[in-house]
Amino acid sequence: MKKIVLVLFVGLLALSVQAQEKMAKIQFKTETVDYGQIEKGSDGVRIFEFTNTGEAPLIISKVSSSCGCTIPKKPEEPIMPGATGEIQVKYDTNRVGPIRKAITVISNADTPTKVLKIKGEVKPIDGK
């Protein structure tokens, strides 16, 4: 009887360890997007590309920015293992000056919180 209980325990332990290994993993092509120097009113949309390098579907539950001048957009559907996805970020380029913002991504990945960054500078048009 003790042997049966021991075998069951070891079997359950092995199953739980194997189940924990199947996680989503998010790998970004780059974690910083550099706008460089752009003119006021320019296109402020940029894309962060990523791949789910894990073995489970990746679900991005929330994407938020450090201020209201940056609007991120997350994928609505799960990203399957091996598939790619993107997070779109739109910066308000009517604000002249340096760009230094953070975008926080929350998901079910092995690293549940990732911080992405945008940087650059918005220049006035012809010195205006």
N, C-alpha and C. Protein backbone atom coordinates (compact mmCIF):
# COMPACT_ATOMS: atom_id res chain seq x y z
N MET A 1 0.83 -1.19 0.00
CA MET A 1 0.00 0.00 0.00
C MET A 1 0.87 1.26 0.00
N LYS A 2 1.97 1.23 0.79
CA LYS A 2 2.86 2.39 0.84
C LYS A 2 3.51 2.64 -0.51
N LYS A 3 3.82 1.56 -1.22
CA LYS A 3 4.45 1.71 -2.53
C LYS A 3 3.50 2.37 -3.53
N ILE A 4 2.22 2.00 -3.47
CA ILE A 4 1.23 2.58 -4.37
C ILE A 4 1.08 4.06 -4.09
N VAL A 5 1.00 4.43 -2.83
CA VAL A 5 0.88 5.85 -2.46
C VAL A 5 2.12 6.61 -2.90
N LEU A 6 3.30 6.03 -2.72
CA LEU A 6 4.54 6.67 -3.12
C LEU A 6 4.59 6.86 -4.64
N VAL A 7 4.19 5.85 -5.40
CA VAL A 7 4.18 5.95 -6.86
C VAL A 7 3.18 7.02 -7.31
N LEU A 8 2.01 7.07 -6.71
CA LEU A 8 1.02 8.09 -7.04
C LEU A 8 1.54 9.49 -6.73
N PHE A 9 2.18 9.64 -5.60
CA PHE A 9 2.73 10.94 -5.19
C PHE A 9 3.80 11.41 -6.18
N VAL A 10 4.71 10.52 -6.53
CA VAL A 10 5.78 10.87 -7.48
C VAL A 10 5.17 11.20 -8.84
N GLY A 11 4.18 10.45 -9.27
CA GLY A 11 3.51 10.71 -10.54
C GLY A 11 2.83 12.06 -10.56
N LEU A 12 2.12 12.41 -9.49
CA LEU A 12 1.45 13.71 -9.41
C LEU A 12 2.47 14.84 -9.37
N LEU A 13 3.55 14.63 -8.66
CA LEU A 13 4.60 15.63 -8.59
C LEU A 13 5.21 15.87 -9.98
N ALA A 14 5.44 14.82 -10.73
CA ALA A 14 5.99 14.94 -12.08
C ALA A 14 5.01 15.68 -13.00
N LEU A 15 3.72 15.39 -12.88
CA LEU A 15 2.72 16.08 -13.68
C LEU A 15 2.65 17.56 -13.35
N SER A 16 2.72 17.91 -12.08
CA SER A 16 2.64 19.32 -11.70
C SER A 16 3.87 20.08 -12.17
N VAL A 17 5.04 19.47 -12.13
CA VAL A 17 6.25 20.12 -12.63
C VAL A 17 6.15 20.32 -14.14
N GLN A 18 5.65 19.33 -14.85
CA GLN A 18 5.50 19.43 -16.30
C GLN A 18 4.47 20.51 -16.66
N ALA A 19 3.40 20.61 -15.92
CA ALA A 19 2.36 21.60 -16.19
C ALA A 19 2.90 23.01 -15.98
N GLN A 20 3.77 23.18 -15.01
CA GLN A 20 4.32 24.50 -14.74
C GLN A 20 5.27 24.96 -15.84
N GLU A 21 5.88 24.04 -16.57
CA GLU A 21 6.82 24.39 -17.61
C GLU A 21 6.13 24.99 -18.83
N LYS A 22 4.87 24.67 -19.06
CA LYS A 22 4.15 25.18 -20.22
C LYS A 22 3.64 26.58 -19.92
N MET A 23 4.46 27.56 -20.22
CA MET A 23 4.10 28.95 -19.99
C MET A 23 4.30 29.74 -21.27
N ALA A 24 3.64 30.85 -21.33
CA ALA A 24 3.87 31.79 -22.42
C ALA A 24 5.13 32.59 -22.10
N LYS A 25 5.85 32.96 -23.13
CA LYS A 25 7.04 33.80 -22.98
C LYS A 25 6.96 34.89 -24.04
N ILE A 26 7.18 36.12 -23.62
CA ILE A 26 7.11 37.23 -24.55
C ILE A 26 8.52 37.75 -24.82
N GLN A 27 8.85 37.83 -26.11
CA GLN A 27 10.16 38.33 -26.50
C GLN A 27 9.94 39.46 -27.51
N PHE A 28 10.34 40.67 -27.11
CA PHE A 28 10.18 41.83 -27.97
C PHE A 28 11.36 41.96 -28.92
N LYS A 29 11.08 42.41 -30.13
CA LYS A 29 12.13 42.67 -31.11
C LYS A 29 13.05 43.76 -30.55
N THR A 30 12.45 44.77 -29.95
CA THR A 30 13.17 45.82 -29.23
C THR A 30 12.26 46.34 -28.12
N GLU A 31 12.85 46.72 -27.01
CA GLU A 31 12.06 47.23 -25.89
C GLU A 31 12.09 48.75 -25.83
N THR A 32 12.79 49.39 -26.78
CA THR A 32 12.83 50.85 -26.86
C THR A 32 12.63 51.26 -28.31
N VAL A 33 11.70 52.18 -28.53
CA VAL A 33 11.50 52.76 -29.86
C VAL A 33 11.99 54.19 -29.81
N ASP A 34 12.91 54.52 -30.72
CA ASP A 34 13.47 55.85 -30.80
C ASP A 34 12.82 56.59 -31.97
N TYR A 35 12.04 57.62 -31.66
CA TYR A 35 11.41 58.43 -32.68
C TYR A 35 12.45 59.29 -33.41
N GLY A 36 13.58 59.53 -32.76
CA GLY A 36 14.56 60.46 -33.32
C GLY A 36 14.01 61.86 -33.20
N GLN A 37 14.42 62.74 -34.12
CA GLN A 37 13.87 64.11 -34.14
C GLN A 37 12.78 64.16 -35.20
N ILE A 38 11.58 64.49 -34.76
CA ILE A 38 10.43 64.57 -35.67
C ILE A 38 9.79 65.94 -35.54
N GLU A 39 9.08 66.36 -36.57
CA GLU A 39 8.42 67.66 -36.54
C GLU A 39 7.08 67.58 -35.82
N LYS A 40 6.70 68.72 -35.27
CA LYS A 40 5.40 68.84 -34.61
C LYS A 40 4.31 68.44 -35.61
N GLY A 41 3.35 67.64 -35.14
CA GLY A 41 2.24 67.20 -35.98
C GLY A 41 2.54 65.98 -36.84
N SER A 42 3.75 65.42 -36.72
CA SER A 42 4.13 64.23 -37.50
C SER A 42 3.33 63.01 -37.03
N ASP A 43 3.43 61.95 -37.81
CA ASP A 43 2.79 60.69 -37.44
C ASP A 43 3.45 60.15 -36.18
N GLY A 44 2.68 60.00 -35.11
CA GLY A 44 3.21 59.56 -33.83
C GLY A 44 3.01 58.08 -33.55
N VAL A 45 2.58 57.31 -34.54
CA VAL A 45 2.31 55.88 -34.34
C VAL A 45 3.58 55.07 -34.54
N ARG A 46 3.88 54.22 -33.57
CA ARG A 46 5.01 53.30 -33.67
C ARG A 46 4.54 51.93 -33.19
N ILE A 47 5.29 50.88 -33.56
CA ILE A 47 4.90 49.50 -33.26
C ILE A 47 6.01 48.79 -32.49
N PHE A 48 5.62 48.10 -31.42
CA PHE A 48 6.50 47.18 -30.72
C PHE A 48 6.11 45.78 -31.18
N GLU A 49 7.02 45.07 -31.85
CA GLU A 49 6.75 43.71 -32.31
C GLU A 49 7.27 42.72 -31.28
N PHE A 50 6.53 41.62 -31.11
CA PHE A 50 6.95 40.59 -30.16
C PHE A 50 6.56 39.22 -30.68
N THR A 51 7.19 38.20 -30.08
CA THR A 51 6.90 36.80 -30.41
C THR A 51 6.62 36.04 -29.12
N ASN A 52 5.66 35.15 -29.16
CA ASN A 52 5.41 34.24 -28.04
C ASN A 52 6.36 33.05 -28.22
N THR A 53 7.46 33.05 -27.47
CA THR A 53 8.44 31.97 -27.58
C THR A 53 8.17 30.85 -26.57
N GLY A 54 7.05 30.92 -25.88
CA GLY A 54 6.69 29.90 -24.90
C GLY A 54 5.89 28.77 -25.52
N GLU A 55 5.30 27.96 -24.64
CA GLU A 55 4.54 26.80 -25.07
C GLU A 55 3.05 26.90 -24.76
N ALA A 56 2.61 28.07 -24.33
CA ALA A 56 1.19 28.28 -24.02
C ALA A 56 0.75 29.59 -24.68
N PRO A 57 -0.55 29.75 -24.93
CA PRO A 57 -1.03 31.01 -25.51
C PRO A 57 -0.69 32.20 -24.61
N LEU A 58 -0.26 33.29 -25.25
CA LEU A 58 0.09 34.52 -24.54
C LEU A 58 -1.13 35.44 -24.54
N ILE A 59 -1.53 35.86 -23.35
CA ILE A 59 -2.67 36.77 -23.21
C ILE A 59 -2.17 38.07 -22.59
N ILE A 60 -2.26 39.14 -23.34
CA ILE A 60 -1.89 40.45 -22.82
C ILE A 60 -3.14 41.06 -22.22
N SER A 61 -3.13 41.20 -20.89
CA SER A 61 -4.33 41.65 -20.20
C SER A 61 -4.43 43.16 -20.10
N LYS A 62 -3.29 43.87 -20.06
CA LYS A 62 -3.34 45.32 -19.91
C LYS A 62 -2.07 45.95 -20.46
N VAL A 63 -2.24 47.10 -21.13
CA VAL A 63 -1.12 47.91 -21.58
C VAL A 63 -1.45 49.34 -21.19
N SER A 64 -0.55 49.97 -20.44
CA SER A 64 -0.80 51.35 -20.00
C SER A 64 0.45 52.19 -20.20
N SER A 65 0.25 53.51 -20.28
CA SER A 65 1.38 54.41 -20.49
C SER A 65 1.56 55.31 -19.26
N SER A 66 2.72 55.95 -19.22
CA SER A 66 3.06 56.79 -18.07
C SER A 66 2.38 58.16 -18.13
N CYS A 67 1.72 58.49 -19.25
CA CYS A 67 0.97 59.76 -19.31
C CYS A 67 -0.10 59.69 -20.38
N GLY A 68 -0.98 60.66 -20.39
CA GLY A 68 -2.09 60.69 -21.33
C GLY A 68 -1.68 61.06 -22.75
N CYS A 69 -0.44 61.49 -22.95
CA CYS A 69 0.02 61.88 -24.29
C CYS A 69 0.42 60.67 -25.13
N THR A 70 0.44 59.50 -24.50
CA THR A 70 0.82 58.26 -25.19
C THR A 70 -0.32 57.27 -25.06
N ILE A 71 -0.83 56.80 -26.19
CA ILE A 71 -1.97 55.88 -26.17
C ILE A 71 -1.53 54.53 -26.75
N PRO A 72 -1.42 53.50 -25.90
CA PRO A 72 -1.07 52.17 -26.41
C PRO A 72 -2.30 51.36 -26.79
N LYS A 73 -2.13 50.43 -27.72
CA LYS A 73 -3.21 49.54 -28.13
C LYS A 73 -2.68 48.11 -28.13
N LYS A 74 -3.34 47.25 -27.37
CA LYS A 74 -2.89 45.86 -27.22
C LYS A 74 -3.66 44.93 -28.15
N PRO A 75 -3.10 43.76 -28.44
CA PRO A 75 -3.85 42.77 -29.21
C PRO A 75 -5.00 42.21 -28.36
N GLU A 76 -6.13 42.00 -28.96
CA GLU A 76 -7.30 41.51 -28.22
C GLU A 76 -7.33 39.99 -28.13
N GLU A 77 -6.76 39.31 -29.12
CA GLU A 77 -6.79 37.84 -29.15
C GLU A 77 -5.51 37.28 -28.54
N PRO A 78 -5.56 36.05 -28.00
CA PRO A 78 -4.34 35.40 -27.51
C PRO A 78 -3.35 35.18 -28.65
N ILE A 79 -2.07 35.26 -28.33
CA ILE A 79 -1.00 35.02 -29.30
C ILE A 79 -0.52 33.59 -29.06
N MET A 80 -0.69 32.74 -30.04
CA MET A 80 -0.35 31.33 -29.90
C MET A 80 1.17 31.14 -29.88
N PRO A 81 1.65 30.02 -29.33
CA PRO A 81 3.09 29.76 -29.30
C PRO A 81 3.71 29.83 -30.70
N GLY A 82 4.81 30.56 -30.81
CA GLY A 82 5.50 30.73 -32.08
C GLY A 82 4.97 31.87 -32.93
N ALA A 83 3.81 32.39 -32.58
CA ALA A 83 3.20 33.47 -33.37
C ALA A 83 3.73 34.83 -32.90
N THR A 84 3.55 35.83 -33.78
CA THR A 84 3.98 37.19 -33.45
C THR A 84 2.77 38.08 -33.26
N GLY A 85 3.00 39.18 -32.58
CA GLY A 85 1.96 40.17 -32.35
C GLY A 85 2.59 41.53 -32.27
N GLU A 86 1.75 42.54 -32.05
CA GLU A 86 2.28 43.89 -31.94
C GLU A 86 1.46 44.73 -30.98
N ILE A 87 2.16 45.66 -30.37
CA ILE A 87 1.54 46.67 -29.52
C ILE A 87 1.77 48.00 -30.21
N GLN A 88 0.68 48.67 -30.52
CA GLN A 88 0.75 49.96 -31.21
C GLN A 88 0.78 51.07 -30.16
N VAL A 89 1.65 52.05 -30.37
CA VAL A 89 1.75 53.19 -29.47
C VAL A 89 1.61 54.46 -30.29
N LYS A 90 0.72 55.35 -29.84
CA LYS A 90 0.54 56.63 -30.53
C LYS A 90 0.90 57.76 -29.57
N TYR A 91 1.92 58.54 -29.96
CA TYR A 91 2.35 59.67 -29.16
C TYR A 91 1.77 60.94 -29.77
N ASP A 92 1.34 61.87 -28.91
CA ASP A 92 0.78 63.15 -29.35
C ASP A 92 1.93 64.06 -29.79
N THR A 93 2.17 64.14 -31.09
CA THR A 93 3.30 64.93 -31.60
C THR A 93 3.01 66.42 -31.67
N ASN A 94 1.89 66.86 -31.14
CA ASN A 94 1.64 68.30 -31.05
C ASN A 94 2.30 68.90 -29.81
N ARG A 95 2.91 68.07 -29.01
CA ARG A 95 3.65 68.51 -27.82
C ARG A 95 5.12 68.61 -28.19
N VAL A 96 5.63 69.82 -28.27
CA VAL A 96 7.02 70.05 -28.63
C VAL A 96 7.92 69.78 -27.43
N GLY A 97 9.04 69.11 -27.70
CA GLY A 97 10.00 68.83 -26.64
C GLY A 97 10.44 67.38 -26.65
N PRO A 98 11.23 67.00 -25.64
CA PRO A 98 11.74 65.62 -25.59
C PRO A 98 10.63 64.61 -25.28
N ILE A 99 10.83 63.42 -25.81
CA ILE A 99 9.91 62.30 -25.55
C ILE A 99 10.66 61.29 -24.68
N ARG A 100 10.14 61.01 -23.51
CA ARG A 100 10.69 59.98 -22.62
C ARG A 100 9.50 59.38 -21.88
N LYS A 101 8.94 58.32 -22.43
CA LYS A 101 7.74 57.72 -21.85
C LYS A 101 7.92 56.21 -21.68
N ALA A 102 7.17 55.66 -20.74
CA ALA A 102 7.19 54.22 -20.47
C ALA A 102 5.81 53.63 -20.73
N ILE A 103 5.81 52.43 -21.28
CA ILE A 103 4.58 51.67 -21.53
C ILE A 103 4.71 50.36 -20.77
N THR A 104 3.75 50.09 -19.89
CA THR A 104 3.78 48.88 -19.08
C THR A 104 2.86 47.83 -19.69
N VAL A 105 3.41 46.63 -19.90
CA VAL A 105 2.66 45.52 -20.50
C VAL A 105 2.48 44.44 -19.44
N ILE A 106 1.23 44.06 -19.18
CA ILE A 106 0.92 43.01 -18.20
C ILE A 106 0.31 41.83 -18.95
N SER A 107 0.90 40.63 -18.72
CA SER A 107 0.44 39.45 -19.44
C SER A 107 0.58 38.21 -18.57
N ASN A 108 0.25 37.06 -19.15
CA ASN A 108 0.41 35.79 -18.45
C ASN A 108 1.76 35.14 -18.74
N ALA A 109 2.72 35.90 -19.26
CA ALA A 109 4.04 35.37 -19.60
C ALA A 109 4.83 35.04 -18.34
N ASP A 110 5.94 34.33 -18.53
CA ASP A 110 6.79 33.98 -17.40
C ASP A 110 7.32 35.22 -16.69
N THR A 111 7.49 36.32 -17.41
CA THR A 111 7.77 37.63 -16.82
C THR A 111 6.49 38.44 -17.03
N PRO A 112 5.61 38.50 -16.02
CA PRO A 112 4.28 39.07 -16.23
C PRO A 112 4.23 40.57 -16.50
N THR A 113 5.26 41.31 -16.10
CA THR A 113 5.27 42.76 -16.33
C THR A 113 6.53 43.14 -17.10
N LYS A 114 6.32 43.82 -18.22
CA LYS A 114 7.43 44.33 -19.03
C LYS A 114 7.23 45.82 -19.20
N VAL A 115 8.32 46.57 -19.17
CA VAL A 115 8.26 48.01 -19.39
C VAL A 115 8.97 48.32 -20.70
N LEU A 116 8.22 48.91 -21.62
CA LEU A 116 8.75 49.35 -22.90
C LEU A 116 8.96 50.86 -22.84
N LYS A 117 9.83 51.37 -23.69
CA LYS A 117 10.13 52.81 -23.65
C LYS A 117 10.07 53.41 -25.04
N ILE A 118 9.63 54.66 -25.08
CA ILE A 118 9.75 55.45 -26.29
C ILE A 118 10.57 56.68 -25.95
N LYS A 119 11.34 57.12 -26.94
CA LYS A 119 12.15 58.32 -26.74
C LYS A 119 12.29 59.06 -28.04
N GLY A 120 12.74 60.28 -27.96
CA GLY A 120 12.92 61.11 -29.15
C GLY A 120 12.72 62.55 -28.80
N GLU A 121 12.48 63.35 -29.84
CA GLU A 121 12.24 64.78 -29.63
C GLU A 121 11.34 65.31 -30.71
N VAL A 122 10.33 66.08 -30.30
CA VAL A 122 9.43 66.74 -31.24
C VAL A 122 9.93 68.16 -31.40
N LYS A 123 10.28 68.54 -32.64
CA LYS A 123 10.78 69.88 -32.95
C LYS A 123 9.67 70.73 -33.51
N PRO A 124 9.68 72.02 -33.22
CA PRO A 124 8.68 72.92 -33.81
C PRO A 124 8.90 73.03 -35.33
N ILE A 125 7.84 73.30 -36.05
CA ILE A 125 7.94 73.46 -37.50
C ILE A 125 8.53 74.84 -37.79
N ASP A 126 9.65 74.87 -38.47
CA ASP A 126 10.33 76.12 -38.86
C ASP A 126 10.48 77.09 -37.69
N GLY A 127 10.84 76.57 -36.53
CA GLY A 127 11.09 77.42 -35.37
C GLY A 127 9.85 77.98 -34.71
N LYS A 128 8.67 77.51 -35.08
CA LYS A 128 7.42 78.02 -34.49
C LYS A 128 7.06 77.27 -33.25
